[in-house]
PDB file of N, CA and C in Angstrom:
ATOM      1  N   MET A   1       0.852  -1.172   0.000  1.00  0.00           N
ATOM      2  CA  MET A   1       0.000   0.000   0.000  1.00  0.00           C
ATOM      3  C   MET A   1       0.896   1.232   0.000  1.00  0.00           C
ATOM      4  N   THR A   2       0.584   2.179  -0.853  1.00  0.00           N
ATOM      5  CA  THR A   2       1.377   3.403  -0.923  1.00  0.00           C
ATOM      6  C   THR A   2       0.976   4.339   0.210  1.00  0.00           C
ATOM      7  N   ALA A   3       1.801   5.346   0.436  1.00  0.00           N
ATOM      8  CA  ALA A   3       1.509   6.322   1.489  1.00  0.00           C
ATOM      9  C   ALA A   3       0.219   7.069   1.186  1.00  0.00           C
ATOM     10  N   VAL A   4      -0.022   7.375  -0.083  1.00  0.00           N
ATOM     11  CA  VAL A   4      -1.247   8.083  -0.469  1.00  0.00           C
ATOM     12  C   VAL A   4      -2.472   7.195  -0.225  1.00  0.00           C
ATOM     13  N   ALA A   5      -2.385   5.922  -0.579  1.00  0.00           N
ATOM     14  CA  ALA A   5      -3.501   4.995  -0.354  1.00  0.00           C
ATOM     15  C   ALA A   5      -3.771   4.830   1.134  1.00  0.00           C
ATOM     16  N   ALA A   6      -2.719   4.756   1.934  1.00  0.00           N
ATOM     17  CA  ALA A   6      -2.890   4.619   3.380  1.00  0.00           C
ATOM     18  C   ALA A   6      -3.558   5.856   3.958  1.00  0.00           C
ATOM     19  N   GLN A   7      -3.176   7.049   3.486  1.00  0.00           N
ATOM     20  CA  GLN A   7      -3.782   8.289   3.958  1.00  0.00           C
ATOM     21  C   GLN A   7      -5.264   8.342   3.581  1.00  0.00           C
ATOM     22  N   LEU A   8      -5.597   7.946   2.368  1.00  0.00           N
ATOM     23  CA  LEU A   8      -6.997   7.934   1.938  1.00  0.00           C
ATOM     24  C   LEU A   8      -7.822   6.955   2.755  1.00  0.00           C
ATOM     25  N   ALA A   9      -7.248   5.815   3.078  1.00  0.00           N
ATOM     26  CA  ALA A   9      -7.957   4.822   3.886  1.00  0.00           C
ATOM     27  C   ALA A   9      -8.250   5.378   5.273  1.00  0.00           C
ATOM     28  N   ARG A  10      -7.299   6.112   5.860  1.00  0.00           N
ATOM     29  CA  ARG A  10      -7.525   6.710   7.179  1.00  0.00           C
ATOM     30  C   ARG A  10      -8.595   7.787   7.119  1.00  0.00           C
ATOM     31  N   GLU A  11      -8.651   8.563   6.030  1.00  0.00           N
ATOM     32  CA  GLU A  11      -9.630   9.632   5.912  1.00  0.00           C
ATOM     33  C   GLU A  11     -11.045   9.102   5.721  1.00  0.00           C
ATOM     34  N   ASP A  12     -11.195   7.883   5.190  1.00  0.00           N
ATOM     35  CA  ASP A  12     -12.510   7.290   4.979  1.00  0.00           C
ATOM     36  C   ASP A  12     -13.153   6.832   6.281  1.00  0.00           C
ATOM     37  N   LYS A  13     -12.352   6.596   7.301  1.00  0.00           N
ATOM     38  CA  LYS A  13     -12.886   6.117   8.576  1.00  0.00           C
ATOM     39  C   LYS A  13     -13.500   7.280   9.340  1.00  0.00           C
ATOM     40  N   PRO A  14     -14.549   7.020  10.125  1.00  0.00           N
ATOM     41  CA  PRO A  14     -15.195   8.099  10.865  1.00  0.00           C
ATOM     42  C   PRO A  14     -14.265   8.693  11.909  1.00  0.00           C
ATOM     43  N   HIS A  15     -14.398   9.992  12.089  1.00  0.00           N
ATOM     44  CA  HIS A  15     -13.598  10.683  13.098  1.00  0.00           C
ATOM     45  C   HIS A  15     -14.434  10.850  14.354  1.00  0.00           C
ATOM     46  N   GLY A  16     -13.782  11.159  15.443  1.00  0.00           N
ATOM     47  CA  GLY A  16     -14.507  11.398  16.676  1.00  0.00           C
ATOM     48  C   GLY A  16     -14.395  10.215  17.616  1.00  0.00           C
ATOM     49  N   PRO A  17     -15.039  10.339  18.746  1.00  0.00           N
ATOM     50  CA  PRO A  17     -14.914   9.311  19.782  1.00  0.00           C
ATOM     51  C   PRO A  17     -15.610   8.013  19.410  1.00  0.00           C
ATOM     52  N   MET A  18     -15.072   6.950  19.911  1.00  0.00           N
ATOM     53  CA  MET A  18     -15.695   5.643  19.755  1.00  0.00           C
ATOM     54  C   MET A  18     -16.328   5.315  21.103  1.00  0.00           C
ATOM     55  N   PHE A  19     -17.499   4.756  21.072  1.00  0.00           N
ATOM     56  CA  PHE A  19     -18.220   4.441  22.296  1.00  0.00           C
ATOM     57  C   PHE A  19     -18.251   2.933  22.503  1.00  0.00           C
ATOM     58  N   ASN A  20     -18.340   2.528  23.750  1.00  0.00           N
ATOM     59  CA  ASN A  20     -18.450   1.118  24.098  1.00  0.00           C
ATOM     60  C   ASN A  20     -19.806   0.900  24.754  1.00  0.00           C
ATOM     61  N   VAL A  21     -20.542  -0.078  24.259  1.00  0.00           N
ATOM     62  CA  VAL A  21     -21.863  -0.401  24.788  1.00  0.00           C
ATOM     63  C   VAL A  21     -21.789  -1.813  25.364  1.00  0.00           C
ATOM     64  N   ASN A  22     -22.116  -1.946  26.642  1.00  0.00           N
ATOM     65  CA  ASN A  22     -22.072  -3.235  27.326  1.00  0.00           C
ATOM     66  C   ASN A  22     -23.480  -3.806  27.333  1.00  0.00           C
ATOM     67  N   ILE A  23     -23.657  -4.905  26.601  1.00  0.00           N
ATOM     68  CA  ILE A  23     -24.960  -5.572  26.545  1.00  0.00           C
ATOM     69  C   ILE A  23     -24.780  -6.988  27.056  1.00  0.00           C
ATOM     70  N   GLU A  24     -25.368  -7.249  28.206  1.00  0.00           N
ATOM     71  CA  GLU A  24     -25.304  -8.560  28.863  1.00  0.00           C
ATOM     72  C   GLU A  24     -23.872  -9.053  29.023  1.00  0.00           C
ATOM     73  N   GLY A  25     -22.978  -8.134  29.443  1.00  0.00           N
ATOM     74  CA  GLY A  25     -21.602  -8.512  29.747  1.00  0.00           C
ATOM     75  C   GLY A  25     -20.648  -8.501  28.568  1.00  0.00           C
ATOM     76  N   LYS A  26     -21.131  -8.265  27.367  1.00  0.00           N
ATOM     77  CA  LYS A  26     -20.260  -8.209  26.193  1.00  0.00           C
ATOM     78  C   LYS A  26     -20.209  -6.774  25.690  1.00  0.00           C
ATOM     79  N   GLU A  27     -19.000  -6.305  25.345  1.00  0.00           N
ATOM     80  CA  GLU A  27     -18.846  -4.937  24.874  1.00  0.00           C
ATOM     81  C   GLU A  27     -18.892  -4.871  23.360  1.00  0.00           C
ATOM     82  N   TYR A  28     -19.601  -3.857  22.874  1.00  0.00           N
ATOM     83  CA  TYR A  28     -19.743  -3.616  21.446  1.00  0.00           C
ATOM     84  C   TYR A  28     -19.277  -2.201  21.142  1.00  0.00           C
ATOM     85  N   ALA A  29     -18.537  -2.023  20.054  1.00  0.00           N
ATOM     86  CA  ALA A  29     -18.120  -0.693  19.623  1.00  0.00           C
ATOM     87  C   ALA A  29     -19.304   0.003  18.973  1.00  0.00           C
ATOM     88  N   TRP A  30     -19.451   1.299  19.244  1.00  0.00           N
ATOM     89  CA  TRP A  30     -20.538   2.092  18.688  1.00  0.00           C
ATOM     90  C   TRP A  30     -19.956   3.438  18.289  1.00  0.00           C
ATOM     91  N   ASP A  31     -20.365   3.987  17.153  1.00  0.00           N
ATOM     92  CA  ASP A  31     -19.723   5.202  16.643  1.00  0.00           C
ATOM     93  C   ASP A  31     -20.581   6.462  16.734  1.00  0.00           C
ATOM     94  N   ARG A  32     -21.716   6.408  17.419  1.00  0.00           N
ATOM     95  CA  ARG A  32     -22.566   7.592  17.575  1.00  0.00           C
ATOM     96  C   ARG A  32     -22.759   7.895  19.051  1.00  0.00           C
ATOM     97  N   GLU A  33     -23.164   9.137  19.348  1.00  0.00           N
ATOM     98  CA  GLU A  33     -23.333   9.584  20.730  1.00  0.00           C
ATOM     99  C   GLU A  33     -24.619   9.093  21.373  1.00  0.00           C
ATOM    100  N   THR A  34     -25.530   8.569  20.577  1.00  0.00           N
ATOM    101  CA  THR A  34     -26.794   8.069  21.112  1.00  0.00           C
ATOM    102  C   THR A  34     -27.066   6.667  20.566  1.00  0.00           C
ATOM    103  N   ILE A  35     -27.902   5.944  21.295  1.00  0.00           N
ATOM    104  CA  ILE A  35     -28.341   4.622  20.842  1.00  0.00           C
ATOM    105  C   ILE A  35     -29.798   4.451  21.274  1.00  0.00           C
ATOM    106  N   THR A  36     -30.598   3.851  20.424  1.00  0.00           N
ATOM    107  CA  THR A  36     -32.013   3.632  20.727  1.00  0.00           C
ATOM    108  C   THR A  36     -32.211   2.213  21.251  1.00  0.00           C
ATOM    109  N   VAL A  37     -33.366   1.983  21.831  1.00  0.00           N
ATOM    110  CA  VAL A  37     -33.686   0.644  22.341  1.00  0.00           C
ATOM    111  C   VAL A  37     -33.673  -0.391  21.210  1.00  0.00           C
ATOM    112  N   PRO A  38     -34.279  -0.117  20.040  1.00  0.00           N
ATOM    113  CA  PRO A  38     -34.193  -1.099  18.947  1.00  0.00           C
ATOM    114  C   PRO A  38     -32.743  -1.361  18.502  1.00  0.00           C
ATOM    115  N   GLU A  39     -31.887  -0.328  18.546  1.00  0.00           N
ATOM    116  CA  GLU A  39     -30.478  -0.524  18.179  1.00  0.00           C
ATOM    117  C   GLU A  39     -29.753  -1.384  19.218  1.00  0.00           C
ATOM    118  N   ILE A  40     -30.093  -1.212  20.488  1.00  0.00           N
ATOM    119  CA  ILE A  40     -29.512  -2.052  21.544  1.00  0.00           C
ATOM    120  C   ILE A  40     -29.908  -3.506  21.309  1.00  0.00           C
ATOM    121  N   ARG A  41     -31.188  -3.717  20.999  1.00  0.00           N
ATOM    122  CA  ARG A  41     -31.658  -5.082  20.726  1.00  0.00           C
ATOM    123  C   ARG A  41     -30.927  -5.695  19.535  1.00  0.00           C
ATOM    124  N   ALA A  42     -30.806  -4.935  18.458  1.00  0.00           N
ATOM    125  CA  ALA A  42     -30.147  -5.456  17.257  1.00  0.00           C
ATOM    126  C   ALA A  42     -28.678  -5.740  17.522  1.00  0.00           C
ATOM    127  N   LEU A  43     -28.002  -4.839  18.213  1.00  0.00           N
ATOM    128  CA  LEU A  43     -26.578  -4.998  18.493  1.00  0.00           C
ATOM    129  C   LEU A  43     -26.320  -6.223  19.368  1.00  0.00           C
ATOM    130  N   GLY A  44     -27.159  -6.416  20.378  1.00  0.00           N
ATOM    131  CA  GLY A  44     -26.965  -7.522  21.311  1.00  0.00           C
ATOM    132  C   GLY A  44     -27.767  -8.766  20.993  1.00  0.00           C
ATOM    133  N   SER A  45     -28.454  -8.789  19.870  1.00  0.00           N
ATOM    134  CA  SER A  45     -29.308  -9.920  19.472  1.00  0.00           C
ATOM    135  C   SER A  45     -30.327 -10.266  20.554  1.00  0.00           C
ATOM    136  N   LEU A  46     -30.964  -9.247  21.100  1.00  0.00           N
ATOM    137  CA  LEU A  46     -31.986  -9.449  22.120  1.00  0.00           C
ATOM    138  C   LEU A  46     -33.346  -9.618  21.446  1.00  0.00           C
ATOM    139  N   PRO A  47     -34.211 -10.462  21.980  1.00  0.00           N
ATOM    140  CA  PRO A  47     -35.545 -10.639  21.402  1.00  0.00           C
ATOM    141  C   PRO A  47     -36.355  -9.343  21.476  1.00  0.00           C
ATOM    142  N   SER A  48     -37.192  -9.118  20.489  1.00  0.00           N
ATOM    143  CA  SER A  48     -37.971  -7.877  20.426  1.00  0.00           C
ATOM    144  C   SER A  48     -39.107  -7.828  21.441  1.00  0.00           C
ATOM    145  N   ASP A  49     -39.462  -8.947  22.035  1.00  0.00           N
ATOM    146  CA  ASP A  49     -40.588  -8.966  22.970  1.00  0.00           C
ATOM    147  C   ASP A  49     -40.183  -8.833  24.435  1.00  0.00           C
ATOM    148  N   THR A  50     -38.899  -8.623  24.717  1.00  0.00           N
ATOM    149  CA  THR A  50     -38.466  -8.484  26.108  1.00  0.00           C
ATOM    150  C   THR A  50     -38.026  -7.049  26.376  1.00  0.00           C
ATOM    151  N   PRO A  51     -38.289  -6.534  27.583  1.00  0.00           N
ATOM    152  CA  PRO A  51     -37.865  -5.181  27.926  1.00  0.00           C
ATOM    153  C   PRO A  51     -36.340  -5.080  27.989  1.00  0.00           C
ATOM    154  N   VAL A  52     -35.829  -3.864  27.802  1.00  0.00           N
ATOM    155  CA  VAL A  52     -34.395  -3.601  27.921  1.00  0.00           C
ATOM    156  C   VAL A  52     -34.176  -2.794  29.190  1.00  0.00           C
ATOM    157  N   LEU A  53     -33.267  -3.258  30.033  1.00  0.00           N
ATOM    158  CA  LEU A  53     -32.950  -2.577  31.280  1.00  0.00           C
ATOM    159  C   LEU A  53     -31.635  -1.839  31.155  1.00  0.00           C
ATOM    160  N   GLU A  54     -31.572  -0.639  31.737  1.00  0.00           N
ATOM    161  CA  GLU A  54     -30.314   0.086  31.887  1.00  0.00           C
ATOM    162  C   GLU A  54     -29.861  -0.124  33.319  1.00  0.00           C
ATOM    163  N   ILE A  55     -28.641  -0.604  33.507  1.00  0.00           N
ATOM    164  CA  ILE A  55     -28.127  -0.879  34.848  1.00  0.00           C
ATOM    165  C   ILE A  55     -26.942   0.045  35.105  1.00  0.00           C
ATOM    166  N   ASN A  56     -27.062   0.864  36.145  1.00  0.00           N
ATOM    167  CA  ASN A  56     -25.985   1.747  36.558  1.00  0.00           C
ATOM    168  C   ASN A  56     -25.034   0.911  37.409  1.00  0.00           C
ATOM    169  N   LEU A  57     -23.821   0.691  36.923  1.00  0.00           N
ATOM    170  CA  LEU A  57     -22.881  -0.187  37.616  1.00  0.00           C
ATOM    171  C   LEU A  57     -22.210   0.481  38.808  1.00  0.00           C
ATOM    172  N   GLN A  58     -22.377   1.797  38.963  1.00  0.00           N
ATOM    173  CA  GLN A  58     -21.791   2.467  40.120  1.00  0.00           C
ATOM    174  C   GLN A  58     -22.631   2.259  41.372  1.00  0.00           C
ATOM    175  N   ASP A  59     -23.957   2.323  41.224  1.00  0.00           N
ATOM    176  CA  ASP A  59     -24.803   2.124  42.412  1.00  0.00           C
ATOM    177  C   ASP A  59     -25.764   0.944  42.263  1.00  0.00           C
ATOM    178  N   ASN A  60     -25.612   0.182  41.163  1.00  0.00           N
ATOM    179  CA  ASN A  60     -26.367  -1.045  40.919  1.00  0.00           C
ATOM    180  C   ASN A  60     -27.879  -0.819  40.847  1.00  0.00           C
ATOM    181  N   THR A  61     -28.303   0.343  40.338  1.00  0.00           N
ATOM    182  CA  THR A  61     -29.729   0.594  40.150  1.00  0.00           C
ATOM    183  C   THR A  61     -30.118   0.204  38.727  1.00  0.00           C
ATOM    184  N   GLU A  62     -31.368  -0.194  38.570  1.00  0.00           N
ATOM    185  CA  GLU A  62     -31.886  -0.609  37.268  1.00  0.00           C
ATOM    186  C   GLU A  62     -33.100   0.230  36.914  1.00  0.00           C
ATOM    187  N   ARG A  63     -33.292   0.434  35.611  1.00  0.00           N
ATOM    188  CA  ARG A  63     -34.535   1.052  35.143  1.00  0.00           C
ATOM    189  C   ARG A  63     -34.856   0.473  33.774  1.00  0.00           C
ATOM    190  N   THR A  64     -36.136   0.283  33.529  1.00  0.00           N
ATOM    191  CA  THR A  64     -36.593  -0.244  32.250  1.00  0.00           C
ATOM    192  C   THR A  64     -36.694   0.906  31.254  1.00  0.00           C
ATOM    193  N   LEU A  65     -36.094   0.715  30.082  1.00  0.00           N
ATOM    194  CA  LEU A  65     -36.120   1.745  29.057  1.00  0.00           C
ATOM    195  C   LEU A  65     -37.425   1.668  28.269  1.00  0.00           C
ATOM    196  N   ALA A  66     -37.981   2.834  27.926  1.00  0.00           N
ATOM    197  CA  ALA A  66     -39.160   2.897  27.071  1.00  0.00           C
ATOM    198  C   ALA A  66     -38.761   2.472  25.664  1.00  0.00           C
ATOM    199  N   GLU A  67     -39.707   1.945  24.933  1.00  0.00           N
ATOM    200  CA  GLU A  67     -39.429   1.423  23.590  1.00  0.00           C
ATOM    201  C   GLU A  67     -38.892   2.496  22.646  1.00  0.00           C
ATOM    202  N   ASN A  68     -39.296   3.748  22.842  1.00  0.00           N
ATOM    203  CA  ASN A  68     -38.852   4.828  21.960  1.00  0.00           C
ATOM    204  C   ASN A  68     -37.738   5.680  22.571  1.00  0.00           C
ATOM    205  N   GLU A  69     -37.135   5.211  23.657  1.00  0.00           N
ATOM    206  CA  GLU A  69     -36.125   5.984  24.368  1.00  0.00           C
ATOM    207  C   GLU A  69     -34.800   6.020  23.614  1.00  0.00           C
ATOM    208  N   VAL A  70     -34.136   7.176  23.714  1.00  0.00           N
ATOM    209  CA  VAL A  70     -32.810   7.365  23.140  1.00  0.00           C
ATOM    210  C   VAL A  70     -31.846   7.586  24.307  1.00  0.00           C
ATOM    211  N   VAL A  71     -30.782   6.788  24.371  1.00  0.00           N
ATOM    212  CA  VAL A  71     -29.822   6.860  25.461  1.00  0.00           C
ATOM    213  C   VAL A  71     -28.583   7.601  24.969  1.00  0.00           C
ATOM    214  N   GLU A  72     -28.139   8.615  25.741  1.00  0.00           N
ATOM    215  CA  GLU A  72     -26.914   9.339  25.407  1.00  0.00           C
ATOM    216  C   GLU A  72     -25.725   8.575  25.973  1.00  0.00           C
ATOM    217  N   LEU A  73     -24.712   8.381  25.138  1.00  0.00           N
ATOM    218  CA  LEU A  73     -23.513   7.670  25.535  1.00  0.00           C
ATOM    219  C   LEU A  73     -22.379   8.651  25.760  1.00  0.00           C
ATOM    220  N   LYS A  74     -21.403   8.251  26.556  1.00  0.00           N
ATOM    221  CA  LYS A  74     -20.222   9.067  26.779  1.00  0.00           C
ATOM    222  C   LYS A  74     -19.016   8.282  26.279  1.00  0.00           C
ATOM    223  N   PRO A  75     -18.062   8.990  25.640  1.00  0.00           N
ATOM    224  CA  PRO A  75     -16.909   8.289  25.073  1.00  0.00           C
ATOM    225  C   PRO A  75     -15.982   7.763  26.152  1.00  0.00           C
ATOM    226  N   GLY A  76     -15.162   6.825  25.745  1.00  0.00           N
ATOM    227  CA  GLY A  76     -14.136   6.322  26.640  1.00  0.00           C
ATOM    228  C   GLY A  76     -14.538   5.058  27.352  1.00  0.00           C
ATOM    229  N   HIS A  77     -13.621   4.600  28.138  1.00  0.00           N
ATOM    230  CA  HIS A  77     -13.811   3.331  28.822  1.00  0.00           C
ATOM    231  C   HIS A  77     -13.773   3.524  30.318  1.00  0.00           C
ATOM    232  N   GLY A  78     -12.669   4.019  30.828  1.00  0.00           N
ATOM    233  CA  GLY A  78     -12.479   4.105  32.265  1.00  0.00           C
ATOM    234  C   GLY A  78     -13.246   5.224  32.939  1.00  0.00           C
ATOM    235  N   PHE A  79     -13.508   6.327  32.221  1.00  0.00           N
ATOM    236  CA  PHE A  79     -14.120   7.475  32.856  1.00  0.00           C
ATOM    237  C   PHE A  79     -15.576   7.669  32.452  1.00  0.00           C
ATOM    238  N   ALA A  80     -16.089   6.799  31.616  1.00  0.00           N
ATOM    239  CA  ALA A  80     -17.462   6.924  31.142  1.00  0.00           C
ATOM    240  C   ALA A  80     -18.449   6.527  32.235  1.00  0.00           C
ATOM    241  N   LYS A  81     -19.690   6.944  32.043  1.00  0.00           N
ATOM    242  CA  LYS A  81     -20.765   6.513  32.935  1.00  0.00           C
ATOM    243  C   LYS A  81     -20.843   4.997  32.858  1.00  0.00           C
ATOM    244  N   LYS A  82     -20.837   4.351  33.976  1.00  0.00           N
ATOM    245  CA  LYS A  82     -20.807   2.890  34.027  1.00  0.00           C
ATOM    246  C   LYS A  82     -22.221   2.332  33.963  1.00  0.00           C
ATOM    247  N   VAL A  83     -22.665   1.979  32.769  1.00  0.00           N
ATOM    248  CA  VAL A  83     -23.979   1.368  32.604  1.00  0.00           C
ATOM    249  C   VAL A  83     -23.847   0.183  31.675  1.00  0.00           C
ATOM    250  N   ARG A  84     -24.781  -0.714  31.780  1.00  0.00           N
ATOM    251  CA  ARG A  84     -24.881  -1.822  30.836  1.00  0.00           C
ATOM    252  C   ARG A  84     -26.354  -2.069  30.582  1.00  0.00           C
ATOM    253  N   PHE A  85     -26.630  -2.838  29.552  1.00  0.00           N
ATOM    254  CA  PHE A  85     -27.999  -3.128  29.175  1.00  0.00           C
ATOM    255  C   PHE A  85     -28.196  -4.627  29.175  1.00  0.00           C
ATOM    256  N   GLN A  86     -29.398  -5.039  29.511  1.00  0.00           N
ATOM    257  CA  GLN A  86     -29.741  -6.457  29.457  1.00  0.00           C
ATOM    258  C   GLN A  86     -31.245  -6.577  29.267  1.00  0.00           C
ATOM    259  N   ARG A  87     -31.656  -7.779  28.898  1.00  0.00           N
ATOM    260  CA  ARG A  87     -33.095  -8.014  28.747  1.00  0.00           C
ATOM    261  C   ARG A  87     -33.751  -8.033  30.113  1.00  0.00           C
ATOM    262  N   GLY A  88     -35.009  -7.648  30.155  1.00  0.00           N
ATOM    263  CA  GLY A  88     -35.732  -7.510  31.422  1.00  0.00           C
ATOM    264  C   GLY A  88     -36.406  -8.752  31.887  1.00  0.00           C
TER     265      GLY A  88
END
C-alpha cells in the first residue's frame, strides 16, 4: 500500500470518539453519541418482545427503558458513565 492509499484509507474512517456499549456482559463498539432501544436489541441480538434494562454499575440501580427511548452515551472506557444493558 502506498503512502497516499494509506492516507486515503484513514480519511474514509469516521472521526470522533468511539463508544463502548455493554450488553449482557459483552462490549460492542458504537460510533454515535446516542443509541435507541431497537439498536440495543439489534446490536446484542436481544428478542424484540423483552424489555431492555439500563443498569448503573456504580450504584447497581436498574430502570426499564421505554421502547422509543434514546440513550446518550459518553466516550471512553475508564471514565465513562458505568452502565450496561440487558433483557428484562
